[in-house]
Amino acid sequence: MRSYLELMRAGNCAMAAFATMVGVLIAYNILSSAGSAASISFYDASLVFFIVFFVTGAGNGLNDYFDIDIDTVNKPSRPIPSGRVPLKSALYFSLILFGAGIAMAFLVNVLCGIIAMLNSLVLILYAKSLKRTPFFGNASVGYLTGSTFLFGGAVFGMEGLKAVVVLFLLASLATIAREIVKDIEDVEGDKKEGARTLPIVMGSKKASYVAAAFGFIAMLASPVPYLQSILNERYLFVVAIADIFFLLAVYQILGKNNAARSSKLFKFAMLFALVSFIVGA
């Protein structure tokens, strides 16, 4: 069991599920303050948590399945190359998790089921081919990260989904920026693996401008949830800290050409952005 939890990257799954619960909380508060009769049972909340946990875990497991040759060299201690989880077992386990997550999502409502199906498809395509393509891999991760908020809002139907669209966009933009920076950091290794990431195709310098552009857009758009009365004034104070980290991350990649440092700063920025969503709700 421990090996399969490691295959899923259980900690990563729990963080994605937690972000979704933040989306549920925000959508609930928005709809309630607007006079809508929004409600969610403990059963549905638990279901939502495990849906995201399972689908995220399935994607991580499938990623390791397709990366067996690379991980055998670079990460031999991972569950599959170490022999603790057979290759076919990892595939079947991931497919079962996808199926369970999608089925549970339809128990919540049809909209949640559709999002779970779409996300599962994106995760499969990402693991198989998209992660080694210029920009589309970055955009896939950006969408999947932001969609945790979409899924949380979808618990309350289309109204809830609309309520959290701006949070989805902010999270997606920030994630795309960091993913491009990570590709710049890993450019030499990716070249050896035959990947065609954005910095490989257009050069690291030009890719850094693209990453900076997405980071700037996310930063400039950060006050929108407050201006739309989605989040309160406490959000502004915390998101200002996130914006400072965004600025520092952009400076490190543009001014210092330090992708590793920039990636860490983007990570801190996204952490504070998540905290700002929580306190703002």
Protein backbone atom coordinates (compact mmCIF):
# COMPACT_ATOMS: atom_id res chain seq x y z
CA MET A 1 0.00 0.00 0.00
CA ARG A 2 2.82 2.40 0.82
CA SER A 3 4.36 1.88 -2.62
CA TYR A 4 1.06 2.63 -4.36
CA LEU A 5 0.58 5.79 -2.26
CA GLU A 6 4.10 6.81 -3.29
CA LEU A 7 3.19 6.10 -6.92
CA MET A 8 0.18 8.41 -6.54
CA ARG A 9 2.31 11.05 -4.80
CA ALA A 10 -0.24 11.17 -1.99
CA GLY A 11 1.00 14.49 -0.61
CA ASN A 12 0.52 16.14 -3.99
CA CYS A 13 -2.97 14.59 -4.22
CA ALA A 14 -3.89 15.93 -0.78
CA MET A 15 -2.77 19.45 -1.73
CA ALA A 16 -4.89 19.39 -4.90
CA ALA A 17 -7.87 18.13 -2.89
CA PHE A 18 -7.31 20.86 -0.29
CA ALA A 19 -7.23 23.54 -3.01
CA THR A 20 -10.54 22.19 -4.29
CA MET A 21 -12.07 22.49 -0.83
CA VAL A 22 -10.92 26.13 -0.82
CA GLY A 23 -12.84 26.52 -4.07
CA VAL A 24 -15.90 24.96 -2.43
CA LEU A 25 -15.63 27.36 0.51
CA ILE A 26 -15.25 30.44 -1.70
CA ALA A 27 -18.11 29.46 -4.01
CA TYR A 28 -20.33 28.76 -1.00
CA ASN A 29 -19.56 32.16 0.55
CA ILE A 30 -20.13 34.01 -2.72
CA LEU A 31 -23.46 32.33 -3.40
CA SER A 32 -24.62 32.68 0.21
CA SER A 33 -23.80 36.39 0.32
CA ALA A 34 -25.73 36.82 -2.93
CA GLY A 35 -28.81 35.29 -1.33
CA SER A 36 -28.56 31.92 -3.06
CA ALA A 37 -29.61 28.83 -1.12
CA ALA A 38 -26.20 27.16 -1.45
CA SER A 39 -25.62 24.11 0.70
CA ILE A 40 -23.30 21.12 0.83
CA SER A 41 -23.42 18.04 3.05
CA PHE A 42 -20.45 16.48 4.81
CA TYR A 43 -20.94 13.47 2.53
CA ASP A 44 -20.62 15.57 -0.65
CA ALA A 45 -17.63 17.47 0.75
CA SER A 46 -15.86 14.19 1.54
CA LEU A 47 -16.76 12.88 -1.90
CA VAL A 48 -15.26 15.96 -3.56
CA PHE A 49 -12.02 15.58 -1.60
CA PHE A 50 -11.56 11.93 -2.61
CA ILE A 51 -12.55 12.54 -6.24
CA VAL A 52 -9.71 15.02 -6.66
CA PHE A 53 -7.37 12.81 -4.63
CA PHE A 54 -8.08 9.79 -6.86
CA VAL A 55 -7.98 11.58 -10.24
CA THR A 56 -4.76 13.43 -9.34
CA GLY A 57 -3.22 10.18 -8.11
CA ALA A 58 -4.25 8.43 -11.32
CA GLY A 59 -2.52 11.11 -13.37
CA ASN A 60 0.65 10.85 -11.31
CA GLY A 61 0.68 7.07 -11.59
CA LEU A 62 0.16 7.17 -15.34
CA ASN A 63 2.94 9.74 -15.63
CA ASP A 64 5.34 7.30 -13.98
CA TYR A 65 4.07 4.52 -16.27
CA PHE A 66 5.05 6.45 -19.40
CA ASP A 67 8.31 7.70 -17.83
CA ILE A 68 9.63 4.24 -16.96
CA ASP A 69 12.70 4.51 -19.21
CA ILE A 70 13.65 7.96 -17.93
CA ASP A 71 12.98 7.12 -14.28
CA THR A 72 15.03 3.93 -14.51
CA VAL A 73 18.06 6.17 -15.07
CA ASN A 74 17.14 9.35 -13.16
CA LYS A 75 14.85 8.08 -10.38
CA PRO A 76 15.58 4.37 -9.86
CA SER A 77 14.07 4.43 -6.36
CA ARG A 78 10.57 5.30 -7.67
CA PRO A 79 7.99 2.50 -7.20
CA ILE A 80 8.00 1.23 -10.82
CA PRO A 81 11.75 1.20 -11.70
CA SER A 82 12.57 -0.18 -8.24
CA GLY A 83 10.25 -3.13 -8.90
CA ARG A 84 7.98 -2.43 -5.94
CA VAL A 85 5.04 -1.80 -8.31
CA PRO A 86 4.91 -3.85 -11.56
CA LEU A 87 4.51 -1.79 -14.72
CA LYS A 88 1.15 -3.29 -15.74
CA SER A 89 -0.14 -3.03 -12.17
CA ALA A 90 0.66 0.70 -12.19
CA LEU A 91 -1.34 1.11 -15.41
CA TYR A 92 -4.36 -0.83 -14.14
CA PHE A 93 -4.22 0.93 -10.77
CA SER A 94 -4.24 4.35 -12.47
CA LEU A 95 -7.14 3.41 -14.74
CA ILE A 96 -9.14 2.16 -11.74
CA LEU A 97 -8.51 5.45 -9.94
CA PHE A 98 -9.64 7.40 -13.00
CA GLY A 99 -12.81 5.31 -13.23
CA ALA A 100 -13.57 5.62 -9.52
CA GLY A 101 -12.99 9.38 -9.52
CA ILE A 102 -15.21 9.98 -12.55
CA ALA A 103 -18.00 7.75 -11.22
CA MET A 104 -17.93 9.51 -7.84
CA ALA A 105 -17.97 12.90 -9.56
CA PHE A 106 -21.23 12.07 -11.34
CA LEU A 107 -22.70 11.22 -7.93
CA VAL A 108 -22.17 14.88 -6.96
CA ASN A 109 -23.71 16.29 -10.17
CA VAL A 110 -23.37 16.10 -13.94
CA LEU A 111 -21.17 19.21 -14.16
CA CYS A 112 -18.65 17.74 -11.72
CA GLY A 113 -18.70 14.52 -13.72
CA ILE A 114 -17.94 16.35 -16.95
CA ILE A 115 -15.03 18.24 -15.38
CA ALA A 116 -13.64 15.00 -13.92
CA MET A 117 -13.83 13.35 -17.35
CA LEU A 118 -12.16 16.32 -19.06
CA ASN A 119 -9.41 16.51 -16.47
CA SER A 120 -8.79 12.76 -16.73
CA LEU A 121 -8.43 13.09 -20.51
CA VAL A 122 -5.99 16.00 -20.13
CA LEU A 123 -3.96 14.03 -17.56
CA ILE A 124 -3.75 11.04 -19.90
CA LEU A 125 -2.69 13.17 -22.87
CA TYR A 126 -0.20 15.05 -20.71
CA ALA A 127 1.42 11.88 -19.42
CA LYS A 128 1.60 10.33 -22.89
CA SER A 129 2.76 13.24 -25.03
CA LEU A 130 1.81 16.81 -24.07
CA LYS A 131 4.46 17.26 -21.37
CA ARG A 132 7.21 17.11 -24.01
CA THR A 133 5.60 19.59 -26.39
CA PRO A 134 6.25 23.35 -26.47
CA PHE A 135 3.78 25.33 -24.33
CA PHE A 136 0.93 22.78 -24.51
CA GLY A 137 2.47 20.87 -21.62
CA ASN A 138 2.75 24.08 -19.59
CA ALA A 139 -0.82 25.07 -20.47
CA SER A 140 -2.09 21.61 -19.48
CA VAL A 141 -0.55 21.87 -16.01
CA GLY A 142 -1.86 25.44 -15.70
CA TYR A 143 -5.39 24.34 -16.58
CA LEU A 144 -5.29 21.33 -14.25
CA THR A 145 -4.06 23.44 -11.32
CA GLY A 146 -6.69 26.12 -11.87
CA SER A 147 -9.42 23.55 -12.44
CA THR A 148 -9.27 22.50 -8.79
CA PHE A 149 -11.14 25.75 -8.07
CA LEU A 150 -13.52 25.15 -10.98
CA PHE A 151 -14.37 21.74 -9.62
CA GLY A 152 -14.97 23.19 -6.16
CA GLY A 153 -17.37 25.74 -7.60
CA ALA A 154 -19.10 23.15 -9.80
CA VAL A 155 -20.34 21.42 -6.65
CA PHE A 156 -23.00 24.16 -6.59
CA GLY A 157 -23.76 23.90 -10.31
CA MET A 158 -23.19 26.49 -13.00
CA GLU A 159 -23.64 29.42 -10.60
CA GLY A 160 -20.85 28.12 -8.41
CA LEU A 161 -18.66 27.52 -11.43
CA LYS A 162 -19.07 31.10 -12.64
CA ALA A 163 -18.30 32.40 -9.14
CA VAL A 164 -14.77 30.97 -9.15
CA VAL A 165 -13.76 31.48 -12.80
CA VAL A 166 -11.48 34.39 -11.91
CA LEU A 167 -9.64 32.25 -9.33
CA PHE A 168 -9.23 29.55 -11.98
CA LEU A 169 -7.68 32.07 -14.37
CA LEU A 170 -5.30 33.53 -11.78
CA ALA A 171 -4.10 30.09 -10.69
CA SER A 172 -3.70 28.93 -14.29
CA LEU A 173 -1.68 32.00 -15.34
CA ALA A 174 0.67 31.76 -12.37
CA THR A 175 1.18 28.03 -12.87
CA ILE A 176 1.98 28.42 -16.58
CA ALA A 177 4.62 31.02 -15.69
CA ARG A 178 6.28 28.69 -13.19
CA GLU A 179 6.09 25.66 -15.50
CA ILE A 180 7.91 27.56 -18.26
CA VAL A 181 10.59 28.63 -15.77
CA LYS A 182 10.96 25.00 -14.64
CA ASP A 183 11.46 24.00 -18.28
CA ILE A 184 14.20 26.64 -18.59
CA GLU A 185 15.82 25.17 -15.48
CA ASP A 186 15.66 21.64 -16.93
CA VAL A 187 16.55 22.49 -20.53
CA GLU A 188 19.78 20.47 -20.70
CA GLY A 189 18.20 17.32 -19.31
CA ASP A 190 15.13 17.72 -21.50
CA LYS A 191 17.34 17.98 -24.60
CA LYS A 192 18.94 14.63 -23.77
CA GLU A 193 15.47 13.09 -23.39
CA GLY A 194 14.35 14.41 -26.78
CA ALA A 195 11.71 16.74 -25.36
CA ARG A 196 10.62 19.82 -27.31
CA THR A 197 9.77 22.25 -24.54
CA LEU A 198 9.34 25.99 -25.08
CA PRO A 199 12.92 26.99 -24.14
CA ILE A 200 14.31 24.26 -26.41
CA VAL A 201 12.22 25.40 -29.37
CA MET A 202 12.55 29.19 -29.00
CA GLY A 203 15.53 29.57 -26.70
CA SER A 204 15.72 30.15 -22.96
CA LYS A 205 15.80 33.94 -23.19
CA LYS A 206 12.66 34.23 -25.28
CA ALA A 207 10.93 31.62 -23.10
CA SER A 208 11.81 33.70 -20.04
CA TYR A 209 9.96 36.65 -21.57
CA VAL A 210 6.90 34.46 -22.09
CA ALA A 211 7.07 33.26 -18.47
CA ALA A 212 7.48 36.83 -17.24
CA ALA A 213 4.47 37.94 -19.29
CA PHE A 214 2.23 35.31 -17.69
CA GLY A 215 3.58 36.22 -14.25
CA PHE A 216 2.90 39.92 -14.83
CA ILE A 217 -0.63 39.27 -16.06
CA ALA A 218 -1.37 37.15 -12.98
CA MET A 219 0.04 39.87 -10.73
CA LEU A 220 -1.82 42.73 -12.43
CA ALA A 221 -5.08 40.76 -12.35
CA SER A 222 -4.71 39.81 -8.67
CA PRO A 223 -6.98 42.64 -7.35
CA VAL A 224 -9.89 41.48 -9.55
CA PRO A 225 -11.44 39.08 -6.98
CA TYR A 226 -11.63 41.97 -4.50
CA LEU A 227 -12.98 44.42 -7.09
CA GLN A 228 -15.67 41.89 -7.99
CA SER A 229 -16.52 41.46 -4.27
CA ILE A 230 -15.57 37.80 -4.47
CA LEU A 231 -12.99 38.13 -1.69
CA ASN A 232 -12.71 40.66 1.15
CA GLU A 233 -10.04 43.23 2.00
CA ARG A 234 -7.92 40.69 3.92
CA TYR A 235 -7.28 39.05 0.57
CA LEU A 236 -5.57 42.22 -0.69
CA PHE A 237 -3.04 42.27 2.15
CA VAL A 238 -1.96 38.67 1.67
CA VAL A 239 -2.04 38.69 -2.13
CA ALA A 240 0.25 41.74 -2.01
CA ILE A 241 2.90 39.44 -0.50
CA ALA A 242 2.29 36.98 -3.32
CA ASP A 243 2.73 39.81 -5.85
CA ILE A 244 6.07 40.75 -4.30
CA PHE A 245 7.27 37.17 -4.78
CA PHE A 246 5.98 37.24 -8.37
CA LEU A 247 8.03 40.39 -9.01
CA LEU A 248 11.13 38.83 -7.47
CA ALA A 249 10.62 35.67 -9.53
CA VAL A 250 10.35 37.68 -12.74
CA TYR A 251 13.47 39.67 -11.80
CA GLN A 252 15.44 36.48 -11.19
CA ILE A 253 14.54 35.00 -14.58
CA LEU A 254 14.88 38.22 -16.62
CA GLY A 255 17.57 40.13 -14.76
CA LYS A 256 19.67 37.33 -13.31
CA ASN A 257 18.91 34.40 -15.67
CA ASN A 258 18.51 32.30 -12.53
CA ALA A 259 15.74 29.82 -13.39
CA ALA A 260 16.19 27.72 -10.24
CA ARG A 261 15.80 30.73 -7.95
CA SER A 262 12.90 32.07 -10.01
CA SER A 263 11.08 28.73 -9.82
CA LYS A 264 11.33 28.70 -6.02
CA LEU A 265 10.06 32.27 -5.80
CA PHE A 266 7.12 31.44 -8.08
CA LYS A 267 6.35 28.53 -5.74
CA PHE A 268 6.29 30.86 -2.72
CA ALA A 269 4.13 33.32 -4.65
CA MET A 270 1.59 30.61 -5.45
CA LEU A 271 1.56 29.45 -1.84
CA PHE A 272 0.74 32.96 -0.60
CA ALA A 273 -1.85 33.30 -3.37
CA LEU A 274 -3.61 30.19 -2.05
CA VAL A 275 -3.45 31.55 1.49
CA SER A 276 -4.89 34.85 0.24
CA PHE A 277 -7.85 32.99 -1.26
CA ILE A 278 -8.48 31.32 2.08
CA VAL A 279 -8.28 34.42 4.27
CA GLY A 280 -10.22 36.45 1.70
CA ALA A 281 -13.10 34.01 1.83
